[in-house]
Amino acid sequence: MKQVIETHSAAETFAVGERLGREAAAGQILCLEGDLGAGKTVLAQGIAAGLGIDEPVNSPTFTILQVYDGGRLPLYHFDAYRLEEPEELYEIGYEEYFFGQGLTVVEWPSQIAELIPEDAVRIAIRKDPEKGFDYRQIRIGEE
C-alpha cells in the first residue's frame, strides 16, 4: 500500500484521510508521523469522516486517547506526544484498542515505537515551505 500523495490545502489533506477511513478495516492501526502543525489531526479528522463519524475530532494530546463510536467502526485516536514512558499506555489498557475491532490512529508513534505492531500502516506527513504554506507530502506505507 505504498503511496505518495501531495496536497495543497487542509481540505485536500482531509480528503486523503476520508479515503483512508472508507478503506479501513477492523483491527487496523494507522501511525501518523510529522512535525507539529504538519496536518496529523486534519488527516485524523478526515479518517473519522470516512468512517461516518460526525462528531468533532480533536487531537487527544492531553488525554492520550479519544474514542469515537459513531461510525461503521469505532475510532481509537491516540496522541503519544506527551508520554514520557511507553508503559503509561498500559495504565489505559492500550491492547484493548490496538487489538480490538475498531480502527486505531496513533499520532507520534515514535514515542511508543516498541508497542507498535509490525503490520501497522505508517503514514508520514511532511511540509515543504518552498512549495507553499499548505503543501503537504503524505507518504503511506513508509518506514
N, C-alpha and C. Protein backbone atom coordinates (compact mmCIF):
# COMPACT_ATOMS: atom_id res chain seq x y z
N MET A 1 0.83 -1.20 0.00
CA MET A 1 0.00 0.00 0.00
C MET A 1 0.87 1.25 0.00
N LYS A 2 2.11 1.16 -0.50
CA LYS A 2 2.98 2.34 -0.53
C LYS A 2 2.44 3.34 -1.55
N GLN A 3 2.40 4.58 -1.10
CA GLN A 3 1.82 5.63 -1.92
C GLN A 3 2.37 6.97 -1.46
N VAL A 4 2.57 7.89 -2.40
CA VAL A 4 2.96 9.26 -2.07
C VAL A 4 1.90 10.17 -2.67
N ILE A 5 1.31 11.01 -1.81
CA ILE A 5 0.25 11.92 -2.23
C ILE A 5 0.67 13.33 -1.86
N GLU A 6 0.49 14.27 -2.76
CA GLU A 6 0.76 15.68 -2.47
C GLU A 6 -0.56 16.41 -2.35
N THR A 7 -0.69 17.20 -1.29
CA THR A 7 -1.89 18.01 -1.13
C THR A 7 -1.49 19.47 -1.02
N HIS A 8 -2.43 20.35 -1.35
CA HIS A 8 -2.13 21.78 -1.37
C HIS A 8 -3.10 22.60 -0.51
N SER A 9 -3.90 21.90 0.30
CA SER A 9 -4.81 22.58 1.22
C SER A 9 -5.21 21.62 2.32
N ALA A 10 -5.72 22.17 3.41
CA ALA A 10 -6.21 21.33 4.50
C ALA A 10 -7.37 20.46 4.00
N ALA A 11 -8.19 21.00 3.10
CA ALA A 11 -9.32 20.23 2.56
C ALA A 11 -8.83 19.01 1.78
N GLU A 12 -7.75 19.16 1.03
CA GLU A 12 -7.20 18.02 0.29
C GLU A 12 -6.61 16.99 1.24
N THR A 13 -5.94 17.44 2.30
CA THR A 13 -5.39 16.53 3.30
C THR A 13 -6.52 15.79 4.00
N PHE A 14 -7.59 16.49 4.33
CA PHE A 14 -8.78 15.89 4.94
C PHE A 14 -9.35 14.81 4.01
N ALA A 15 -9.40 15.10 2.71
CA ALA A 15 -9.95 14.15 1.73
C ALA A 15 -9.12 12.87 1.66
N VAL A 16 -7.79 12.98 1.80
CA VAL A 16 -6.94 11.79 1.83
C VAL A 16 -7.32 10.95 3.06
N GLY A 17 -7.50 11.61 4.19
CA GLY A 17 -7.91 10.91 5.40
C GLY A 17 -9.27 10.25 5.23
N GLU A 18 -10.18 10.95 4.57
CA GLU A 18 -11.52 10.41 4.34
C GLU A 18 -11.45 9.10 3.55
N ARG A 19 -10.61 9.07 2.54
CA ARG A 19 -10.43 7.86 1.73
C ARG A 19 -9.87 6.73 2.60
N LEU A 20 -8.87 7.07 3.44
CA LEU A 20 -8.29 6.07 4.35
C LEU A 20 -9.37 5.50 5.29
N GLY A 21 -10.23 6.37 5.78
CA GLY A 21 -11.30 5.93 6.67
C GLY A 21 -12.30 5.02 5.97
N ARG A 22 -12.63 5.34 4.73
CA ARG A 22 -13.55 4.49 3.97
C ARG A 22 -12.95 3.11 3.70
N GLU A 23 -11.63 3.05 3.51
CA GLU A 23 -10.96 1.80 3.18
C GLU A 23 -10.50 1.02 4.41
N ALA A 24 -10.60 1.60 5.59
CA ALA A 24 -10.07 0.99 6.81
C ALA A 24 -10.79 -0.29 7.18
N ALA A 25 -10.03 -1.20 7.77
CA ALA A 25 -10.56 -2.48 8.24
C ALA A 25 -10.47 -2.55 9.76
N ALA A 26 -11.35 -3.32 10.36
CA ALA A 26 -11.33 -3.53 11.81
C ALA A 26 -9.99 -4.11 12.22
N GLY A 27 -9.44 -3.59 13.29
CA GLY A 27 -8.16 -4.06 13.80
C GLY A 27 -6.95 -3.40 13.17
N GLN A 28 -7.16 -2.50 12.23
CA GLN A 28 -6.04 -1.83 11.56
C GLN A 28 -5.50 -0.71 12.45
N ILE A 29 -4.18 -0.48 12.34
CA ILE A 29 -3.53 0.61 13.07
C ILE A 29 -2.84 1.51 12.06
N LEU A 30 -3.16 2.80 12.11
CA LEU A 30 -2.52 3.81 11.26
C LEU A 30 -1.66 4.69 12.15
N CYS A 31 -0.38 4.80 11.83
CA CYS A 31 0.57 5.61 12.60
C CYS A 31 0.88 6.88 11.84
N LEU A 32 0.58 8.03 12.43
CA LEU A 32 0.77 9.32 11.78
C LEU A 32 2.00 10.02 12.35
N GLU A 33 3.01 10.18 11.53
CA GLU A 33 4.23 10.89 11.92
C GLU A 33 4.31 12.22 11.17
N GLY A 34 4.82 13.22 11.84
CA GLY A 34 5.03 14.52 11.21
C GLY A 34 5.29 15.55 12.29
N ASP A 35 5.91 16.64 11.89
CA ASP A 35 6.21 17.71 12.83
C ASP A 35 4.93 18.33 13.36
N LEU A 36 5.05 19.13 14.42
CA LEU A 36 3.90 19.90 14.91
C LEU A 36 3.37 20.75 13.76
N GLY A 37 2.07 20.74 13.59
CA GLY A 37 1.45 21.53 12.53
C GLY A 37 1.52 20.92 11.15
N ALA A 38 1.97 19.68 11.05
CA ALA A 38 2.10 19.04 9.73
C ALA A 38 0.76 18.64 9.13
N GLY A 39 -0.24 18.41 9.99
CA GLY A 39 -1.55 18.02 9.47
C GLY A 39 -2.03 16.66 9.95
N LYS A 40 -1.41 16.14 10.99
CA LYS A 40 -1.81 14.83 11.51
C LYS A 40 -3.26 14.83 11.98
N THR A 41 -3.65 15.87 12.69
CA THR A 41 -5.01 15.92 13.21
C THR A 41 -6.02 16.14 12.07
N VAL A 42 -5.67 16.94 11.08
CA VAL A 42 -6.56 17.13 9.92
C VAL A 42 -6.77 15.78 9.22
N LEU A 43 -5.69 15.02 9.06
CA LEU A 43 -5.79 13.70 8.44
C LEU A 43 -6.69 12.80 9.30
N ALA A 44 -6.50 12.84 10.62
CA ALA A 44 -7.32 12.03 11.54
C ALA A 44 -8.79 12.44 11.46
N GLN A 45 -9.06 13.72 11.31
CA GLN A 45 -10.44 14.19 11.17
C GLN A 45 -11.06 13.64 9.88
N GLY A 46 -10.27 13.59 8.82
CA GLY A 46 -10.75 13.01 7.57
C GLY A 46 -11.01 11.52 7.71
N ILE A 47 -10.13 10.83 8.41
CA ILE A 47 -10.31 9.39 8.65
C ILE A 47 -11.64 9.16 9.38
N ALA A 48 -11.90 9.97 10.41
CA ALA A 48 -13.16 9.85 11.15
C ALA A 48 -14.35 10.07 10.22
N ALA A 49 -14.28 11.08 9.38
CA ALA A 49 -15.37 11.35 8.44
C ALA A 49 -15.58 10.17 7.49
N GLY A 50 -14.48 9.57 7.05
CA GLY A 50 -14.56 8.41 6.17
C GLY A 50 -15.19 7.20 6.85
N LEU A 51 -15.11 7.15 8.17
CA LEU A 51 -15.76 6.09 8.94
C LEU A 51 -17.23 6.41 9.22
N GLY A 52 -17.65 7.63 8.89
CA GLY A 52 -19.02 8.04 9.15
C GLY A 52 -19.22 8.67 10.52
N ILE A 53 -18.14 9.08 11.16
CA ILE A 53 -18.21 9.73 12.47
C ILE A 53 -18.44 11.22 12.23
N ASP A 54 -19.50 11.76 12.81
CA ASP A 54 -19.81 13.17 12.54
C ASP A 54 -19.58 14.08 13.73
N GLU A 55 -19.07 13.53 14.85
CA GLU A 55 -18.77 14.41 15.98
C GLU A 55 -17.39 15.04 15.78
N PRO A 56 -17.13 16.18 16.44
CA PRO A 56 -15.83 16.84 16.28
C PRO A 56 -14.68 15.95 16.76
N VAL A 57 -13.61 15.91 15.99
CA VAL A 57 -12.43 15.12 16.32
C VAL A 57 -11.29 16.09 16.57
N ASN A 58 -10.73 16.01 17.77
CA ASN A 58 -9.61 16.87 18.14
C ASN A 58 -8.45 15.99 18.57
N SER A 59 -7.25 16.54 18.50
CA SER A 59 -6.08 15.78 18.93
C SER A 59 -6.17 15.52 20.43
N PRO A 60 -6.02 14.26 20.85
CA PRO A 60 -6.12 13.94 22.27
C PRO A 60 -4.81 14.14 23.03
N THR A 61 -4.12 15.25 22.75
CA THR A 61 -2.80 15.50 23.32
C THR A 61 -2.78 15.38 24.84
N PHE A 62 -3.78 15.91 25.52
CA PHE A 62 -3.75 15.92 26.98
C PHE A 62 -4.44 14.71 27.59
N THR A 63 -5.28 14.03 26.82
CA THR A 63 -5.98 12.86 27.35
C THR A 63 -5.37 11.55 26.85
N ILE A 64 -4.48 11.61 25.90
CA ILE A 64 -3.79 10.48 25.27
C ILE A 64 -4.71 9.69 24.34
N LEU A 65 -5.97 9.48 24.73
CA LEU A 65 -6.88 8.67 23.93
C LEU A 65 -8.27 9.28 23.87
N GLN A 66 -8.83 9.31 22.67
CA GLN A 66 -10.23 9.66 22.46
C GLN A 66 -10.87 8.49 21.72
N VAL A 67 -12.06 8.09 22.14
CA VAL A 67 -12.79 7.02 21.48
C VAL A 67 -14.03 7.61 20.83
N TYR A 68 -14.23 7.28 19.56
CA TYR A 68 -15.40 7.74 18.81
C TYR A 68 -16.14 6.50 18.31
N ASP A 69 -17.39 6.37 18.72
CA ASP A 69 -18.17 5.17 18.40
C ASP A 69 -19.22 5.37 17.31
N GLY A 70 -19.34 6.54 16.75
CA GLY A 70 -20.47 6.84 15.87
C GLY A 70 -20.36 6.39 14.43
N GLY A 71 -19.31 5.67 14.04
CA GLY A 71 -19.15 5.30 12.63
C GLY A 71 -19.29 3.80 12.39
N ARG A 72 -18.94 3.38 11.19
CA ARG A 72 -19.06 1.95 10.85
C ARG A 72 -18.07 1.10 11.64
N LEU A 73 -16.98 1.72 12.11
CA LEU A 73 -16.03 1.10 13.04
C LEU A 73 -15.77 2.10 14.14
N PRO A 74 -15.50 1.64 15.36
CA PRO A 74 -15.05 2.58 16.38
C PRO A 74 -13.68 3.14 15.98
N LEU A 75 -13.42 4.39 16.33
CA LEU A 75 -12.12 5.02 16.09
C LEU A 75 -11.46 5.24 17.43
N TYR A 76 -10.24 4.70 17.57
CA TYR A 76 -9.44 4.89 18.78
C TYR A 76 -8.28 5.81 18.39
N HIS A 77 -8.34 7.05 18.83
CA HIS A 77 -7.38 8.09 18.42
C HIS A 77 -6.42 8.37 19.58
N PHE A 78 -5.19 7.93 19.40
CA PHE A 78 -4.14 8.12 20.40
C PHE A 78 -3.22 9.27 20.00
N ASP A 79 -2.74 10.01 20.98
CA ASP A 79 -1.69 11.00 20.77
C ASP A 79 -0.61 10.74 21.82
N ALA A 80 0.53 10.23 21.37
CA ALA A 80 1.60 9.84 22.29
C ALA A 80 2.61 10.95 22.55
N TYR A 81 2.35 12.16 22.05
CA TYR A 81 3.31 13.25 22.12
C TYR A 81 3.80 13.52 23.55
N ARG A 82 2.90 13.54 24.51
CA ARG A 82 3.26 13.91 25.88
C ARG A 82 3.64 12.73 26.77
N LEU A 83 3.66 11.54 26.22
CA LEU A 83 4.03 10.37 27.03
C LEU A 83 5.52 10.42 27.36
N GLU A 84 5.84 10.14 28.60
CA GLU A 84 7.25 10.08 28.99
C GLU A 84 7.79 8.67 28.86
N GLU A 85 6.93 7.69 29.09
CA GLU A 85 7.30 6.27 29.02
C GLU A 85 6.20 5.53 28.28
N PRO A 86 6.54 4.64 27.36
CA PRO A 86 5.50 3.85 26.68
C PRO A 86 4.63 3.07 27.66
N GLU A 87 5.18 2.72 28.82
CA GLU A 87 4.45 1.95 29.82
C GLU A 87 3.19 2.67 30.31
N GLU A 88 3.16 4.01 30.12
CA GLU A 88 1.97 4.77 30.54
C GLU A 88 0.73 4.27 29.81
N LEU A 89 0.91 3.69 28.63
CA LEU A 89 -0.24 3.18 27.88
C LEU A 89 -0.84 1.93 28.51
N TYR A 90 -0.04 1.20 29.27
CA TYR A 90 -0.57 0.02 29.95
C TYR A 90 -1.67 0.43 30.93
N GLU A 91 -1.52 1.61 31.53
CA GLU A 91 -2.49 2.09 32.51
C GLU A 91 -3.87 2.29 31.91
N ILE A 92 -3.93 2.59 30.61
CA ILE A 92 -5.24 2.79 29.98
C ILE A 92 -5.67 1.56 29.17
N GLY A 93 -4.92 0.48 29.29
CA GLY A 93 -5.29 -0.76 28.61
C GLY A 93 -5.22 -0.65 27.10
N TYR A 94 -4.11 -0.13 26.60
CA TYR A 94 -3.99 0.14 25.16
C TYR A 94 -4.24 -1.10 24.30
N GLU A 95 -3.91 -2.31 24.80
CA GLU A 95 -4.06 -3.52 23.99
C GLU A 95 -5.50 -3.72 23.55
N GLU A 96 -6.43 -3.35 24.41
CA GLU A 96 -7.86 -3.47 24.10
C GLU A 96 -8.20 -2.68 22.83
N TYR A 97 -7.49 -1.58 22.63
CA TYR A 97 -7.74 -0.73 21.47
C TYR A 97 -6.89 -1.17 20.27
N PHE A 98 -5.60 -1.38 20.50
CA PHE A 98 -4.70 -1.76 19.41
C PHE A 98 -5.13 -3.07 18.77
N PHE A 99 -5.66 -3.98 19.57
CA PHE A 99 -6.01 -5.31 19.07
C PHE A 99 -7.51 -5.55 19.14
N GLY A 100 -8.28 -4.45 19.07
CA GLY A 100 -9.74 -4.54 19.15
C GLY A 100 -10.37 -4.57 17.77
N GLN A 101 -11.65 -4.27 17.73
CA GLN A 101 -12.42 -4.35 16.49
C GLN A 101 -12.62 -2.99 15.82
N GLY A 102 -11.88 -1.99 16.26
CA GLY A 102 -12.00 -0.67 15.66
C GLY A 102 -10.77 -0.34 14.83
N LEU A 103 -10.70 0.92 14.42
CA LEU A 103 -9.53 1.46 13.73
C LEU A 103 -8.76 2.30 14.73
N THR A 104 -7.48 2.02 14.88
CA THR A 104 -6.63 2.79 15.78
C THR A 104 -5.77 3.75 14.98
N VAL A 105 -5.78 5.01 15.37
CA VAL A 105 -4.92 6.03 14.77
C VAL A 105 -4.00 6.54 15.88
N VAL A 106 -2.69 6.51 15.62
CA VAL A 106 -1.71 6.94 16.62
C VAL A 106 -0.91 8.10 16.06
N GLU A 107 -1.02 9.26 16.72
CA GLU A 107 -0.16 10.39 16.40
C GLU A 107 1.09 10.27 17.27
N TRP A 108 2.25 10.58 16.71
CA TRP A 108 3.54 10.50 17.39
C TRP A 108 3.88 9.06 17.80
N PRO A 109 3.75 8.09 16.89
CA PRO A 109 4.02 6.69 17.26
C PRO A 109 5.47 6.43 17.65
N SER A 110 6.40 7.29 17.25
CA SER A 110 7.81 7.08 17.61
C SER A 110 8.00 7.12 19.13
N GLN A 111 7.08 7.78 19.85
CA GLN A 111 7.15 7.85 21.31
C GLN A 111 6.88 6.49 21.96
N ILE A 112 6.20 5.61 21.21
CA ILE A 112 5.83 4.30 21.76
C ILE A 112 6.20 3.20 20.75
N ALA A 113 7.30 3.40 20.05
CA ALA A 113 7.69 2.53 18.94
C ALA A 113 7.67 1.05 19.30
N GLU A 114 8.11 0.71 20.51
CA GLU A 114 8.18 -0.72 20.87
C GLU A 114 6.81 -1.35 21.05
N LEU A 115 5.75 -0.54 21.15
CA LEU A 115 4.40 -1.08 21.31
C LEU A 115 3.64 -1.19 20.00
N ILE A 116 4.19 -0.61 18.95
CA ILE A 116 3.50 -0.59 17.65
C ILE A 116 3.73 -1.93 16.93
N PRO A 117 2.65 -2.62 16.56
CA PRO A 117 2.81 -3.88 15.83
C PRO A 117 3.45 -3.67 14.46
N GLU A 118 4.15 -4.70 13.98
CA GLU A 118 4.85 -4.60 12.70
C GLU A 118 3.92 -4.33 11.53
N ASP A 119 2.68 -4.81 11.61
CA ASP A 119 1.77 -4.65 10.48
C ASP A 119 1.03 -3.30 10.47
N ALA A 120 1.37 -2.41 11.40
CA ALA A 120 0.76 -1.08 11.41
C ALA A 120 1.14 -0.34 10.13
N VAL A 121 0.21 0.47 9.62
CA VAL A 121 0.47 1.27 8.42
C VAL A 121 1.07 2.59 8.86
N ARG A 122 2.27 2.86 8.37
CA ARG A 122 2.96 4.10 8.73
C ARG A 122 2.67 5.18 7.69
N ILE A 123 2.30 6.35 8.20
CA ILE A 123 1.96 7.48 7.33
C ILE A 123 2.78 8.67 7.79
N ALA A 124 3.63 9.18 6.91
CA ALA A 124 4.47 10.34 7.23
C ALA A 124 3.92 11.56 6.49
N ILE A 125 3.74 12.65 7.22
CA ILE A 125 3.24 13.89 6.64
C ILE A 125 4.35 14.93 6.77
N ARG A 126 4.72 15.50 5.62
CA ARG A 126 5.80 16.48 5.63
C ARG A 126 5.37 17.77 4.95
N LYS A 127 5.82 18.88 5.54
CA LYS A 127 5.61 20.19 4.93
C LYS A 127 6.83 20.52 4.08
N ASP A 128 6.63 21.39 3.11
CA ASP A 128 7.74 21.91 2.33
C ASP A 128 7.40 23.37 2.01
N PRO A 129 7.90 24.30 2.85
CA PRO A 129 7.56 25.72 2.69
C PRO A 129 7.85 26.26 1.29
N GLU A 130 8.83 25.67 0.60
CA GLU A 130 9.15 26.15 -0.75
C GLU A 130 8.01 25.86 -1.73
N LYS A 131 7.17 24.89 -1.40
CA LYS A 131 6.06 24.54 -2.28
C LYS A 131 4.75 25.18 -1.83
N GLY A 132 4.80 25.99 -0.78
CA GLY A 132 3.61 26.69 -0.30
C GLY A 132 3.28 26.34 1.13
N PHE A 133 2.61 27.27 1.79
CA PHE A 133 2.27 27.11 3.20
C PHE A 133 1.41 25.88 3.46
N ASP A 134 0.47 25.58 2.56
CA ASP A 134 -0.46 24.47 2.76
C ASP A 134 -0.04 23.18 2.09
N TYR A 135 1.12 23.18 1.45
CA TYR A 135 1.59 21.97 0.78
C TYR A 135 1.94 20.89 1.81
N ARG A 136 1.52 19.66 1.52
CA ARG A 136 1.89 18.50 2.34
C ARG A 136 2.23 17.34 1.42
N GLN A 137 3.26 16.60 1.80
CA GLN A 137 3.56 15.33 1.14
C GLN A 137 3.18 14.25 2.15
N ILE A 138 2.30 13.36 1.71
CA ILE A 138 1.80 12.29 2.58
C ILE A 138 2.31 10.97 2.02
N ARG A 139 3.15 10.30 2.79
CA ARG A 139 3.70 9.01 2.38
C ARG A 139 3.02 7.92 3.18
N ILE A 140 2.29 7.08 2.49
CA ILE A 140 1.54 5.99 3.13
C ILE A 140 2.32 4.69 2.93
N GLY A 141 2.55 3.98 4.02
CA GLY A 141 3.28 2.72 3.95
C GLY A 141 4.77 2.89 4.03
N GLU A 142 5.20 4.00 4.62
CA GLU A 142 6.63 4.27 4.75
C GLU A 142 7.15 3.76 6.07
N GLU A 143 8.44 3.52 6.12
CA GLU A 143 9.08 3.10 7.39
C GLU A 143 9.29 4.31 8.26
